[in-house]
Amino acid sequence: MQSTRTMEILVGAFMAAGLVALFFLAMRVSNLSAASAGPGYSLTARFDNIGSLKVRAPVSMAGVRLGRVDAIDFDQDSYQASVTLRIDAAYDQIPADTFANIYTAGLLGEQYVALDPGGSPDYLRDGDQIEHTQSALVLERMIGQFLFNKAQEDTE
């Protein structure tokens, strides 16, 4: 009787540990656990198409995470997506002519903003806008262009 009770307690503890591990895994995959609450500064970038970019998506340069996407809005004057980037304070020497690109990472298609540094001696500061951007590549649009070009070749 005593060994059955001990076995039930061990199984319960194992199940609880498994649920806690699943919770932390889900937080890690969804990028909720790495939300930066520390000091930093904001930059904005305008894109024609952001694809499936989400708030809290990583912002990186040379593969190193510098910050997160803080907000995504639509500018009704320019008809573009306005993306606010929150950059950690430790990375305060990003050249003013930096390019912002939206890339896809991993098999699940998670999108992130990659910064490619320019050569300007001036640096981006809080509230500045990144002027040079490249929108996300949309697979459906690329397939549509390929099929359209193929159809035009066949009619010639």
N, C-alpha and C. Protein backbone atom coordinates (compact mmCIF):
# COMPACT_ATOMS: atom_id res chain seq x y z
N MET A 1 0.82 -1.19 0.00
CA MET A 1 0.00 0.00 0.00
C MET A 1 0.87 1.26 0.00
N GLN A 2 1.94 1.22 0.82
CA GLN A 2 2.82 2.38 0.93
C GLN A 2 3.57 2.62 -0.38
N SER A 3 4.01 1.55 -1.07
CA SER A 3 4.75 1.72 -2.33
C SER A 3 3.85 2.25 -3.44
N THR A 4 2.58 1.92 -3.44
CA THR A 4 1.65 2.46 -4.42
C THR A 4 1.48 3.95 -4.22
N ARG A 5 1.36 4.37 -2.98
CA ARG A 5 1.22 5.80 -2.67
C ARG A 5 2.47 6.57 -3.10
N THR A 6 3.65 6.03 -2.84
CA THR A 6 4.91 6.65 -3.23
C THR A 6 5.00 6.74 -4.75
N MET A 7 4.59 5.69 -5.44
CA MET A 7 4.61 5.69 -6.91
C MET A 7 3.67 6.76 -7.47
N GLU A 8 2.50 6.92 -6.88
CA GLU A 8 1.55 7.93 -7.34
C GLU A 8 2.11 9.35 -7.13
N ILE A 9 2.78 9.57 -6.02
CA ILE A 9 3.39 10.88 -5.76
C ILE A 9 4.51 11.15 -6.77
N LEU A 10 5.33 10.15 -7.06
CA LEU A 10 6.41 10.33 -8.05
C LEU A 10 5.86 10.59 -9.44
N VAL A 11 4.82 9.88 -9.83
CA VAL A 11 4.21 10.11 -11.14
C VAL A 11 3.61 11.51 -11.21
N GLY A 12 2.96 11.94 -10.14
CA GLY A 12 2.39 13.29 -10.10
C GLY A 12 3.47 14.36 -10.20
N ALA A 13 4.57 14.17 -9.47
CA ALA A 13 5.68 15.13 -9.54
C ALA A 13 6.29 15.16 -10.94
N PHE A 14 6.42 14.00 -11.56
CA PHE A 14 6.97 13.93 -12.92
C PHE A 14 6.05 14.65 -13.90
N MET A 15 4.74 14.47 -13.76
CA MET A 15 3.78 15.15 -14.65
C MET A 15 3.83 16.66 -14.45
N ALA A 16 3.93 17.10 -13.20
CA ALA A 16 4.02 18.54 -12.92
C ALA A 16 5.29 19.13 -13.53
N ALA A 17 6.41 18.42 -13.39
CA ALA A 17 7.66 18.90 -13.99
C ALA A 17 7.55 18.95 -15.51
N GLY A 18 6.88 17.97 -16.11
CA GLY A 18 6.67 17.97 -17.56
C GLY A 18 5.83 19.15 -18.02
N LEU A 19 4.78 19.48 -17.27
CA LEU A 19 3.94 20.62 -17.63
C LEU A 19 4.70 21.94 -17.50
N VAL A 20 5.52 22.06 -16.46
CA VAL A 20 6.34 23.27 -16.30
C VAL A 20 7.33 23.39 -17.46
N ALA A 21 7.93 22.28 -17.85
CA ALA A 21 8.87 22.30 -18.99
C ALA A 21 8.15 22.69 -20.28
N LEU A 22 6.95 22.18 -20.51
CA LEU A 22 6.18 22.55 -21.70
C LEU A 22 5.83 24.03 -21.69
N PHE A 23 5.49 24.56 -20.52
CA PHE A 23 5.19 25.98 -20.41
C PHE A 23 6.39 26.83 -20.83
N PHE A 24 7.58 26.50 -20.29
CA PHE A 24 8.78 27.27 -20.63
C PHE A 24 9.14 27.10 -22.09
N LEU A 25 8.93 25.94 -22.66
CA LEU A 25 9.18 25.73 -24.08
C LEU A 25 8.24 26.58 -24.93
N ALA A 26 6.97 26.63 -24.55
CA ALA A 26 6.01 27.46 -25.28
C ALA A 26 6.37 28.93 -25.19
N MET A 27 6.83 29.37 -24.03
CA MET A 27 7.24 30.77 -23.88
C MET A 27 8.46 31.08 -24.75
N ARG A 28 9.37 30.15 -24.81
CA ARG A 28 10.59 30.33 -25.62
C ARG A 28 10.26 30.40 -27.10
N VAL A 29 9.39 29.53 -27.57
CA VAL A 29 9.02 29.49 -28.99
C VAL A 29 8.23 30.73 -29.38
N SER A 30 7.39 31.23 -28.49
CA SER A 30 6.54 32.37 -28.82
C SER A 30 7.22 33.72 -28.57
N ASN A 31 8.48 33.72 -28.14
CA ASN A 31 9.25 34.95 -27.88
C ASN A 31 8.71 35.79 -26.75
N LEU A 32 7.85 35.25 -25.91
CA LEU A 32 7.31 36.03 -24.80
C LEU A 32 8.30 36.13 -23.65
N SER A 33 9.14 35.13 -23.50
CA SER A 33 10.05 35.13 -22.36
C SER A 33 11.20 36.11 -22.53
N ALA A 34 11.50 36.52 -23.74
CA ALA A 34 12.66 37.36 -23.98
C ALA A 34 12.29 38.82 -24.22
N ALA A 35 11.12 39.21 -23.78
CA ALA A 35 10.72 40.60 -23.96
C ALA A 35 11.63 41.49 -23.13
N SER A 36 12.23 42.47 -23.81
CA SER A 36 13.19 43.32 -23.09
C SER A 36 12.44 44.43 -22.37
N ALA A 37 12.71 44.56 -21.11
CA ALA A 37 12.09 45.61 -20.32
C ALA A 37 13.12 46.64 -19.91
N GLY A 38 14.37 46.43 -20.31
CA GLY A 38 15.45 47.32 -19.92
C GLY A 38 15.46 48.59 -20.74
N PRO A 39 16.42 49.46 -20.44
CA PRO A 39 16.52 50.72 -21.17
C PRO A 39 16.93 50.48 -22.62
N GLY A 40 16.51 51.37 -23.46
CA GLY A 40 16.83 51.27 -24.87
C GLY A 40 16.30 52.49 -25.60
N TYR A 41 16.28 52.42 -26.90
CA TYR A 41 15.77 53.53 -27.68
C TYR A 41 14.95 52.99 -28.86
N SER A 42 14.09 53.85 -29.40
CA SER A 42 13.17 53.45 -30.47
C SER A 42 13.62 54.01 -31.80
N LEU A 43 13.47 53.19 -32.82
CA LEU A 43 13.68 53.58 -34.20
C LEU A 43 12.43 53.19 -34.97
N THR A 44 12.15 53.88 -36.06
CA THR A 44 11.03 53.49 -36.91
C THR A 44 11.55 53.18 -38.31
N ALA A 45 10.84 52.30 -38.98
CA ALA A 45 11.15 51.94 -40.36
C ALA A 45 9.83 51.73 -41.09
N ARG A 46 9.76 52.15 -42.33
CA ARG A 46 8.54 52.00 -43.13
C ARG A 46 8.78 50.95 -44.21
N PHE A 47 7.81 50.05 -44.34
CA PHE A 47 7.90 48.97 -45.31
C PHE A 47 6.63 48.95 -46.16
N ASP A 48 6.80 48.57 -47.44
CA ASP A 48 5.64 48.41 -48.30
C ASP A 48 4.85 47.16 -47.92
N ASN A 49 5.55 46.12 -47.47
CA ASN A 49 4.89 44.87 -47.09
C ASN A 49 5.70 44.23 -45.97
N ILE A 50 5.07 43.96 -44.84
CA ILE A 50 5.78 43.34 -43.73
C ILE A 50 5.54 41.84 -43.64
N GLY A 51 4.79 41.28 -44.57
CA GLY A 51 4.52 39.84 -44.54
C GLY A 51 3.81 39.48 -43.25
N SER A 52 4.35 38.53 -42.51
CA SER A 52 3.74 38.10 -41.24
C SER A 52 4.58 38.52 -40.04
N LEU A 53 5.27 39.64 -40.16
CA LEU A 53 6.06 40.17 -39.05
C LEU A 53 5.15 40.47 -37.88
N LYS A 54 5.58 40.10 -36.69
CA LYS A 54 4.76 40.27 -35.49
C LYS A 54 5.49 41.16 -34.46
N VAL A 55 4.71 41.75 -33.58
CA VAL A 55 5.27 42.47 -32.44
C VAL A 55 6.06 41.46 -31.61
N ARG A 56 7.18 41.87 -31.05
CA ARG A 56 8.13 41.08 -30.28
C ARG A 56 9.04 40.22 -31.15
N ALA A 57 8.96 40.39 -32.49
CA ALA A 57 9.89 39.68 -33.37
C ALA A 57 11.30 40.23 -33.13
N PRO A 58 12.32 39.41 -33.28
CA PRO A 58 13.68 39.88 -33.04
C PRO A 58 14.14 40.92 -34.06
N VAL A 59 15.01 41.81 -33.62
CA VAL A 59 15.74 42.73 -34.48
C VAL A 59 17.21 42.35 -34.31
N SER A 60 17.87 42.01 -35.41
CA SER A 60 19.24 41.53 -35.28
C SER A 60 20.16 42.20 -36.29
N MET A 61 21.45 42.13 -35.98
CA MET A 61 22.49 42.58 -36.90
C MET A 61 23.62 41.56 -36.78
N ALA A 62 24.04 41.02 -37.92
CA ALA A 62 25.10 40.01 -37.98
C ALA A 62 24.73 38.79 -37.13
N GLY A 63 23.44 38.49 -37.03
CA GLY A 63 22.98 37.33 -36.29
C GLY A 63 22.84 37.53 -34.80
N VAL A 64 23.16 38.73 -34.30
CA VAL A 64 23.07 39.03 -32.87
C VAL A 64 21.80 39.84 -32.62
N ARG A 65 21.00 39.40 -31.65
CA ARG A 65 19.75 40.12 -31.35
C ARG A 65 20.08 41.44 -30.66
N LEU A 66 19.62 42.54 -31.29
CA LEU A 66 19.85 43.87 -30.74
C LEU A 66 18.62 44.42 -30.04
N GLY A 67 17.46 43.86 -30.35
CA GLY A 67 16.22 44.38 -29.78
C GLY A 67 15.03 43.61 -30.28
N ARG A 68 13.88 44.24 -30.22
CA ARG A 68 12.61 43.62 -30.60
C ARG A 68 11.74 44.61 -31.37
N VAL A 69 10.79 44.08 -32.12
CA VAL A 69 9.77 44.91 -32.75
C VAL A 69 8.80 45.33 -31.65
N ASP A 70 8.63 46.63 -31.48
CA ASP A 70 7.82 47.16 -30.38
C ASP A 70 6.37 47.40 -30.81
N ALA A 71 6.17 47.85 -32.04
CA ALA A 71 4.81 48.15 -32.51
C ALA A 71 4.78 48.12 -34.03
N ILE A 72 3.61 47.83 -34.56
CA ILE A 72 3.38 47.85 -36.01
C ILE A 72 2.10 48.63 -36.26
N ASP A 73 2.21 49.67 -37.07
CA ASP A 73 1.06 50.53 -37.39
C ASP A 73 0.97 50.71 -38.90
N PHE A 74 -0.16 51.24 -39.34
CA PHE A 74 -0.36 51.54 -40.77
C PHE A 74 -0.43 53.05 -40.94
N ASP A 75 0.40 53.58 -41.83
CA ASP A 75 0.43 55.01 -42.13
C ASP A 75 -0.54 55.27 -43.27
N GLN A 76 -1.64 55.98 -42.97
CA GLN A 76 -2.66 56.21 -43.99
C GLN A 76 -2.25 57.25 -45.02
N ASP A 77 -1.20 58.01 -44.76
CA ASP A 77 -0.73 58.99 -45.74
C ASP A 77 0.15 58.34 -46.81
N SER A 78 1.06 57.48 -46.39
CA SER A 78 1.98 56.85 -47.34
C SER A 78 1.56 55.44 -47.74
N TYR A 79 0.52 54.90 -47.09
CA TYR A 79 0.04 53.54 -47.33
C TYR A 79 1.14 52.50 -47.11
N GLN A 80 1.89 52.70 -46.07
CA GLN A 80 2.96 51.79 -45.71
C GLN A 80 2.80 51.34 -44.26
N ALA A 81 3.45 50.24 -43.95
CA ALA A 81 3.49 49.77 -42.57
C ALA A 81 4.62 50.50 -41.85
N SER A 82 4.33 51.04 -40.69
CA SER A 82 5.32 51.72 -39.87
C SER A 82 5.67 50.79 -38.71
N VAL A 83 6.92 50.36 -38.67
CA VAL A 83 7.38 49.41 -37.66
C VAL A 83 8.28 50.14 -36.68
N THR A 84 7.94 50.05 -35.40
CA THR A 84 8.76 50.65 -34.35
C THR A 84 9.65 49.57 -33.76
N LEU A 85 10.95 49.83 -33.78
CA LEU A 85 11.95 48.89 -33.28
C LEU A 85 12.47 49.40 -31.94
N ARG A 86 12.55 48.53 -30.95
CA ARG A 86 13.12 48.88 -29.65
C ARG A 86 14.50 48.25 -29.57
N ILE A 87 15.54 49.08 -29.59
CA ILE A 87 16.93 48.62 -29.60
C ILE A 87 17.49 48.76 -28.19
N ASP A 88 18.18 47.72 -27.72
CA ASP A 88 18.80 47.75 -26.39
C ASP A 88 19.84 48.87 -26.32
N ALA A 89 19.95 49.49 -25.16
CA ALA A 89 20.84 50.65 -24.97
C ALA A 89 22.31 50.32 -25.23
N ALA A 90 22.69 49.07 -25.09
CA ALA A 90 24.10 48.69 -25.29
C ALA A 90 24.52 48.86 -26.75
N TYR A 91 23.56 48.87 -27.66
CA TYR A 91 23.86 48.97 -29.10
C TYR A 91 23.50 50.38 -29.58
N ASP A 92 24.31 51.34 -29.22
CA ASP A 92 24.00 52.74 -29.53
C ASP A 92 24.86 53.31 -30.65
N GLN A 93 25.56 52.46 -31.38
CA GLN A 93 26.39 52.94 -32.48
C GLN A 93 25.99 52.27 -33.79
N ILE A 94 24.73 52.40 -34.14
CA ILE A 94 24.23 51.88 -35.41
C ILE A 94 24.30 53.03 -36.42
N PRO A 95 25.02 52.83 -37.55
CA PRO A 95 25.18 53.92 -38.53
C PRO A 95 23.84 54.44 -39.05
N ALA A 96 23.79 55.73 -39.37
CA ALA A 96 22.56 56.38 -39.81
C ALA A 96 22.06 55.86 -41.15
N ASP A 97 22.94 55.30 -41.98
CA ASP A 97 22.52 54.81 -43.29
C ASP A 97 22.33 53.28 -43.29
N THR A 98 21.90 52.75 -42.17
CA THR A 98 21.66 51.31 -42.03
C THR A 98 20.44 50.89 -42.83
N PHE A 99 20.48 49.69 -43.40
CA PHE A 99 19.35 49.11 -44.11
C PHE A 99 18.57 48.21 -43.16
N ALA A 100 17.25 48.23 -43.24
CA ALA A 100 16.39 47.33 -42.47
C ALA A 100 15.70 46.39 -43.46
N ASN A 101 15.89 45.10 -43.27
CA ASN A 101 15.31 44.08 -44.14
C ASN A 101 14.45 43.14 -43.31
N ILE A 102 13.38 42.63 -43.91
CA ILE A 102 12.56 41.62 -43.25
C ILE A 102 12.92 40.28 -43.86
N TYR A 103 13.41 39.38 -43.01
CA TYR A 103 13.80 38.03 -43.44
C TYR A 103 12.98 36.98 -42.73
N THR A 104 13.04 35.77 -43.23
CA THR A 104 12.34 34.64 -42.63
C THR A 104 13.37 33.70 -42.02
N ALA A 105 13.09 33.24 -40.81
CA ALA A 105 13.99 32.33 -40.11
C ALA A 105 13.26 31.04 -39.79
N GLY A 106 13.97 29.95 -39.92
CA GLY A 106 13.43 28.67 -39.49
C GLY A 106 12.41 28.07 -40.44
N LEU A 107 12.02 26.86 -40.10
CA LEU A 107 11.07 26.12 -40.93
C LEU A 107 9.64 26.63 -40.77
N LEU A 108 9.35 27.24 -39.64
CA LEU A 108 7.99 27.71 -39.39
C LEU A 108 7.72 29.06 -40.02
N GLY A 109 8.73 29.70 -40.57
CA GLY A 109 8.54 30.96 -41.27
C GLY A 109 8.44 32.18 -40.38
N GLU A 110 9.02 32.12 -39.19
CA GLU A 110 9.03 33.28 -38.31
C GLU A 110 9.84 34.39 -38.96
N GLN A 111 9.28 35.58 -39.01
CA GLN A 111 9.98 36.69 -39.65
C GLN A 111 10.61 37.60 -38.59
N TYR A 112 11.71 38.24 -39.00
CA TYR A 112 12.43 39.13 -38.11
C TYR A 112 13.01 40.27 -38.94
N VAL A 113 13.44 41.32 -38.26
CA VAL A 113 14.06 42.47 -38.92
C VAL A 113 15.56 42.34 -38.77
N ALA A 114 16.25 42.35 -39.89
CA ALA A 114 17.72 42.30 -39.89
C ALA A 114 18.24 43.66 -40.32
N LEU A 115 19.18 44.17 -39.56
CA LEU A 115 19.80 45.46 -39.88
C LEU A 115 21.15 45.21 -40.52
N ASP A 116 21.39 45.86 -41.66
CA ASP A 116 22.68 45.80 -42.33
C ASP A 116 23.33 47.17 -42.19
N PRO A 117 24.48 47.26 -41.54
CA PRO A 117 25.08 48.57 -41.27
C PRO A 117 25.59 49.25 -42.52
N GLY A 118 25.48 50.55 -42.51
CA GLY A 118 26.05 51.36 -43.58
C GLY A 118 27.43 51.84 -43.16
N GLY A 119 27.89 52.90 -43.81
CA GLY A 119 29.22 53.41 -43.51
C GLY A 119 29.23 54.82 -42.99
N SER A 120 28.08 55.33 -42.60
CA SER A 120 27.99 56.71 -42.13
C SER A 120 28.70 56.89 -40.79
N PRO A 121 29.37 58.02 -40.61
CA PRO A 121 30.00 58.28 -39.30
C PRO A 121 28.96 58.72 -38.24
N ASP A 122 27.75 59.07 -38.70
CA ASP A 122 26.69 59.47 -37.78
C ASP A 122 25.90 58.23 -37.35
N TYR A 123 25.33 58.29 -36.14
CA TYR A 123 24.60 57.15 -35.59
C TYR A 123 23.13 57.47 -35.43
N LEU A 124 22.30 56.42 -35.49
CA LEU A 124 20.87 56.56 -35.25
C LEU A 124 20.64 56.82 -33.77
N ARG A 125 19.70 57.71 -33.47
CA ARG A 125 19.37 58.06 -32.09
C ARG A 125 17.88 57.80 -31.84
N ASP A 126 17.47 57.92 -30.60
CA ASP A 126 16.08 57.69 -30.21
C ASP A 126 15.13 58.54 -31.05
N GLY A 127 14.15 57.87 -31.66
CA GLY A 127 13.15 58.56 -32.47
C GLY A 127 13.50 58.69 -33.94
N ASP A 128 14.70 58.30 -34.34
CA ASP A 128 15.11 58.40 -35.75
C ASP A 128 14.37 57.37 -36.59
N GLN A 129 14.37 57.63 -37.90
CA GLN A 129 13.75 56.71 -38.85
C GLN A 129 14.82 56.10 -39.74
N ILE A 130 14.73 54.81 -39.95
CA ILE A 130 15.62 54.13 -40.89
C ILE A 130 15.05 54.35 -42.29
N GLU A 131 15.84 55.00 -43.13
CA GLU A 131 15.35 55.41 -44.45
C GLU A 131 15.38 54.27 -45.48
N HIS A 132 16.34 53.39 -45.38
CA HIS A 132 16.53 52.35 -46.38
C HIS A 132 15.92 51.04 -45.87
N THR A 133 14.87 50.57 -46.54
CA THR A 133 14.21 49.34 -46.10
C THR A 133 13.96 48.42 -47.29
N GLN A 134 13.84 47.14 -46.99
CA GLN A 134 13.45 46.15 -47.99
C GLN A 134 12.33 45.32 -47.40
N SER A 135 11.21 45.26 -48.09
CA SER A 135 10.04 44.56 -47.60
C SER A 135 10.25 43.06 -47.60
N ALA A 136 9.32 42.38 -46.96
CA ALA A 136 9.35 40.92 -46.91
C ALA A 136 9.07 40.34 -48.28
N LEU A 137 9.71 39.22 -48.58
CA LEU A 137 9.41 38.50 -49.80
C LEU A 137 8.17 37.65 -49.55
N VAL A 138 7.17 37.84 -50.38
CA VAL A 138 5.92 37.10 -50.23
C VAL A 138 5.93 35.97 -51.25
N LEU A 139 5.89 34.74 -50.77
CA LEU A 139 5.99 33.57 -51.62
C LEU A 139 4.89 33.54 -52.68
N GLU A 140 3.68 33.90 -52.31
CA GLU A 140 2.57 33.88 -53.27
C GLU A 140 2.83 34.83 -54.43
N ARG A 141 3.39 36.00 -54.13
CA ARG A 141 3.67 36.98 -55.18
C ARG A 141 4.76 36.46 -56.12
N MET A 142 5.79 35.82 -55.55
CA MET A 142 6.87 35.28 -56.38
C MET A 142 6.36 34.17 -57.29
N ILE A 143 5.51 33.30 -56.77
CA ILE A 143 4.94 32.22 -57.58
C ILE A 143 4.05 32.81 -58.66
N GLY A 144 3.26 33.83 -58.32
CA GLY A 144 2.41 34.48 -59.31
C GLY A 144 3.22 35.11 -60.44
N GLN A 145 4.32 35.77 -60.10
CA GLN A 145 5.17 36.36 -61.14
C GLN A 145 5.79 35.28 -62.02
N PHE A 146 6.22 34.19 -61.41
CA PHE A 146 6.80 33.09 -62.18
C PHE A 146 5.77 32.52 -63.15
N LEU A 147 4.56 32.26 -62.68
CA LEU A 147 3.52 31.71 -63.55
C LEU A 147 3.14 32.68 -64.65
N PHE A 148 3.07 33.98 -64.33
CA PHE A 148 2.74 34.99 -65.33
C PHE A 148 3.82 35.04 -66.40
N ASN A 149 5.10 35.04 -65.99
CA ASN A 149 6.21 35.06 -66.95
C ASN A 149 6.21 33.80 -67.81
N LYS A 150 5.92 32.65 -67.20
CA LYS A 150 5.87 31.39 -67.92
C LYS A 150 4.76 31.40 -68.95
N ALA A 151 3.60 31.97 -68.60
CA ALA A 151 2.47 32.06 -69.53
C ALA A 151 2.80 32.98 -70.69
N GLN A 152 3.53 34.06 -70.43
CA GLN A 152 3.91 34.97 -71.50
C GLN A 152 4.90 34.29 -72.45
N GLU A 153 5.81 33.48 -71.92
CA GLU A 153 6.76 32.76 -72.77
C GLU A 153 6.05 31.77 -73.68
N ASP A 154 5.02 31.13 -73.17
CA ASP A 154 4.28 30.14 -73.96
C ASP A 154 3.48 30.78 -75.10
N THR A 155 3.04 32.03 -74.94
CA THR A 155 2.26 32.71 -75.98
C THR A 155 3.13 33.28 -77.07
N GLU A 156 4.42 33.38 -76.84
CA GLU A 156 5.32 33.98 -77.85
C GLU A 156 5.75 32.98 -78.88
